[in-house]
Amino acid sequence: MRSRDPRSWMWAEALELLHDAERLQHQFFQIGALHGAPIWEPPVDLYENGDDLTLLVALPGVTPRQVEVVLAPSLIIVRGERPLPANSRRAAIHRLEIPYGQFERRIALPAGQFELVDQRLEHGCLALELRRLT
């Protein structure tokens, strides 16, 4: 039951919203370790339509040269690096929320074998099109 004092329940709701925001940030931009170097995991969307899979990987500011895609039997690996902008290296940083450095994301694929039929960067996302082999 909520308190009659609006400050109490408003404070509780604000804390809950902050907790949810922090949980989402950790979920989408997880920091880990790859061979001793810090990494982050970009968020992904995976859609299946019949024998076709579409994988979208959020990689704002990443060029095609900075991305490697590896298709394995039951998963796809997207890795690379998003370097700090050259003009920010000597700047005083007031806020740094967009992840930089090495990234890697391993995405489990649905049952079956797939081939990678298209790979493109568009609107800050890496779009991968896969087709199930029959």
Protein backbone atom coordinates (compact mmCIF):
# COMPACT_ATOMS: atom_id res chain seq x y z
CA MET A 1 0.00 0.00 0.00
CA ARG A 2 1.33 3.42 -0.93
CA SER A 3 1.91 6.09 1.65
CA ARG A 4 -0.41 9.07 1.62
CA ASP A 5 2.62 11.35 1.48
CA PRO A 6 3.25 11.87 -2.27
CA ARG A 7 6.97 12.48 -1.65
CA SER A 8 7.39 8.92 -0.34
CA TRP A 9 5.85 7.07 -3.29
CA MET A 10 7.33 9.50 -5.84
CA TRP A 11 10.79 8.88 -4.38
CA ALA A 12 10.24 5.10 -4.45
CA GLU A 13 9.10 5.24 -8.09
CA ALA A 14 12.06 7.45 -9.04
CA LEU A 15 14.48 4.98 -7.45
CA GLU A 16 12.79 2.08 -9.24
CA LEU A 17 13.08 3.90 -12.59
CA LEU A 18 16.77 4.60 -11.96
CA HIS A 19 17.34 0.94 -11.10
CA ASP A 20 15.57 -0.16 -14.31
CA ALA A 21 17.62 2.29 -16.41
CA GLU A 22 20.87 1.02 -14.89
CA ARG A 23 19.83 -2.60 -15.48
CA LEU A 24 19.07 -1.84 -19.15
CA GLN A 25 22.38 -0.05 -19.61
CA HIS A 26 24.28 -3.04 -18.20
CA GLN A 27 22.22 -5.42 -20.34
CA PHE A 28 22.92 -3.56 -23.60
CA PHE A 29 26.46 -2.37 -22.97
CA GLN A 30 28.00 -5.16 -20.96
CA ILE A 31 31.64 -4.75 -20.17
CA GLY A 32 33.69 -7.94 -20.21
CA ALA A 33 37.15 -9.15 -21.01
CA LEU A 34 38.51 -10.63 -24.22
CA HIS A 35 42.10 -11.82 -24.01
CA GLY A 36 42.72 -9.32 -21.21
CA ALA A 37 41.37 -6.31 -23.15
CA PRO A 38 38.13 -4.58 -22.17
CA ILE A 39 35.16 -5.22 -24.47
CA TRP A 40 31.54 -4.24 -24.77
CA GLU A 41 28.61 -6.06 -26.30
CA PRO A 42 26.40 -4.16 -28.76
CA PRO A 43 22.64 -4.73 -28.58
CA VAL A 44 21.08 -6.88 -31.30
CA ASP A 45 17.71 -7.74 -32.83
CA LEU A 46 17.18 -11.11 -34.52
CA TYR A 47 14.17 -11.76 -36.78
CA GLU A 48 13.21 -15.03 -38.46
CA ASN A 49 10.92 -15.11 -41.47
CA GLY A 50 10.62 -18.58 -42.94
CA ASP A 51 14.13 -19.65 -43.98
CA ASP A 52 15.54 -16.13 -43.66
CA LEU A 53 17.13 -14.53 -40.60
CA THR A 54 17.83 -10.84 -40.20
CA LEU A 55 20.29 -9.76 -37.54
CA LEU A 56 20.68 -6.08 -36.67
CA VAL A 57 23.66 -5.06 -34.53
CA ALA A 58 23.76 -1.49 -33.17
CA LEU A 59 27.21 -0.14 -34.10
CA PRO A 60 26.98 3.66 -34.41
CA GLY A 61 30.14 5.22 -35.79
CA VAL A 62 31.71 1.91 -36.82
CA THR A 63 32.97 1.53 -40.39
CA PRO A 64 32.90 -1.73 -42.40
CA ARG A 65 36.70 -2.02 -42.00
CA GLN A 66 36.27 -2.11 -38.21
CA VAL A 67 33.90 -5.12 -38.19
CA GLU A 68 34.53 -8.85 -38.51
CA VAL A 69 31.69 -11.36 -38.89
CA VAL A 70 32.25 -15.08 -38.28
CA LEU A 71 29.51 -17.61 -39.01
CA ALA A 72 29.87 -20.80 -36.96
CA PRO A 73 27.53 -23.85 -37.00
CA SER A 74 25.22 -22.68 -34.19
CA LEU A 75 26.14 -19.03 -33.72
CA ILE A 76 27.37 -15.88 -35.38
CA ILE A 77 30.12 -13.71 -33.93
CA VAL A 78 30.39 -9.98 -34.60
CA ARG A 79 33.58 -8.33 -33.35
CA GLY A 80 35.66 -5.27 -33.97
CA GLU A 81 36.62 -1.96 -32.50
CA ARG A 82 35.04 1.44 -32.14
CA PRO A 83 37.91 3.89 -31.53
CA LEU A 84 37.55 7.16 -29.69
CA PRO A 85 37.21 10.08 -32.10
CA ALA A 86 40.63 11.60 -32.76
CA ASN A 87 39.57 15.07 -31.62
CA SER A 88 38.41 13.75 -28.22
CA ARG A 89 41.70 12.22 -27.14
CA ARG A 90 42.93 15.46 -25.55
CA ALA A 91 39.52 16.82 -24.65
CA ALA A 92 38.12 17.12 -21.14
CA ILE A 93 35.37 14.50 -21.10
CA HIS A 94 32.21 15.55 -19.26
CA ARG A 95 30.13 12.51 -20.19
CA LEU A 96 31.06 9.24 -21.87
CA GLU A 97 28.06 6.94 -22.31
CA ILE A 98 28.63 5.56 -25.80
CA PRO A 99 30.96 2.55 -25.53
CA TYR A 100 34.33 2.63 -27.28
CA GLY A 101 37.09 0.08 -27.70
CA GLN A 102 36.90 -3.55 -28.67
CA PHE A 103 33.49 -5.18 -28.95
CA GLU A 104 32.30 -8.72 -29.46
CA ARG A 105 28.84 -10.23 -29.54
CA ARG A 106 28.06 -13.94 -29.89
CA ILE A 107 24.51 -14.61 -31.02
CA ALA A 108 23.03 -18.11 -30.88
CA LEU A 109 21.17 -19.04 -34.06
CA PRO A 110 17.99 -21.11 -34.31
CA ALA A 111 18.35 -24.78 -35.16
CA GLY A 112 19.67 -25.53 -38.64
CA GLN A 113 22.52 -24.47 -40.87
CA PHE A 114 22.70 -20.97 -42.31
CA GLU A 115 24.68 -19.08 -44.91
CA LEU A 116 25.45 -15.37 -44.79
CA VAL A 117 23.90 -13.83 -47.92
CA ASP A 118 24.24 -10.09 -47.24
CA GLN A 119 26.14 -7.79 -44.89
CA ARG A 120 25.77 -4.00 -44.84
CA LEU A 121 26.05 -1.04 -42.51
CA GLU A 122 23.05 1.26 -42.59
CA HIS A 123 21.77 3.91 -40.19
CA GLY A 124 24.31 2.95 -37.51
CA CYS A 125 23.41 -0.75 -37.60
CA LEU A 126 25.16 -3.73 -39.11
CA ALA A 127 22.47 -5.65 -41.00
CA LEU A 128 23.21 -9.32 -41.62
CA GLU A 129 20.94 -11.45 -43.80
CA LEU A 130 21.20 -15.22 -43.37
CA ARG A 131 19.39 -18.02 -45.19
CA ARG A 132 18.72 -21.52 -43.91
CA LEU A 133 20.37 -24.23 -45.99
CA THR A 134 18.04 -27.03 -47.05
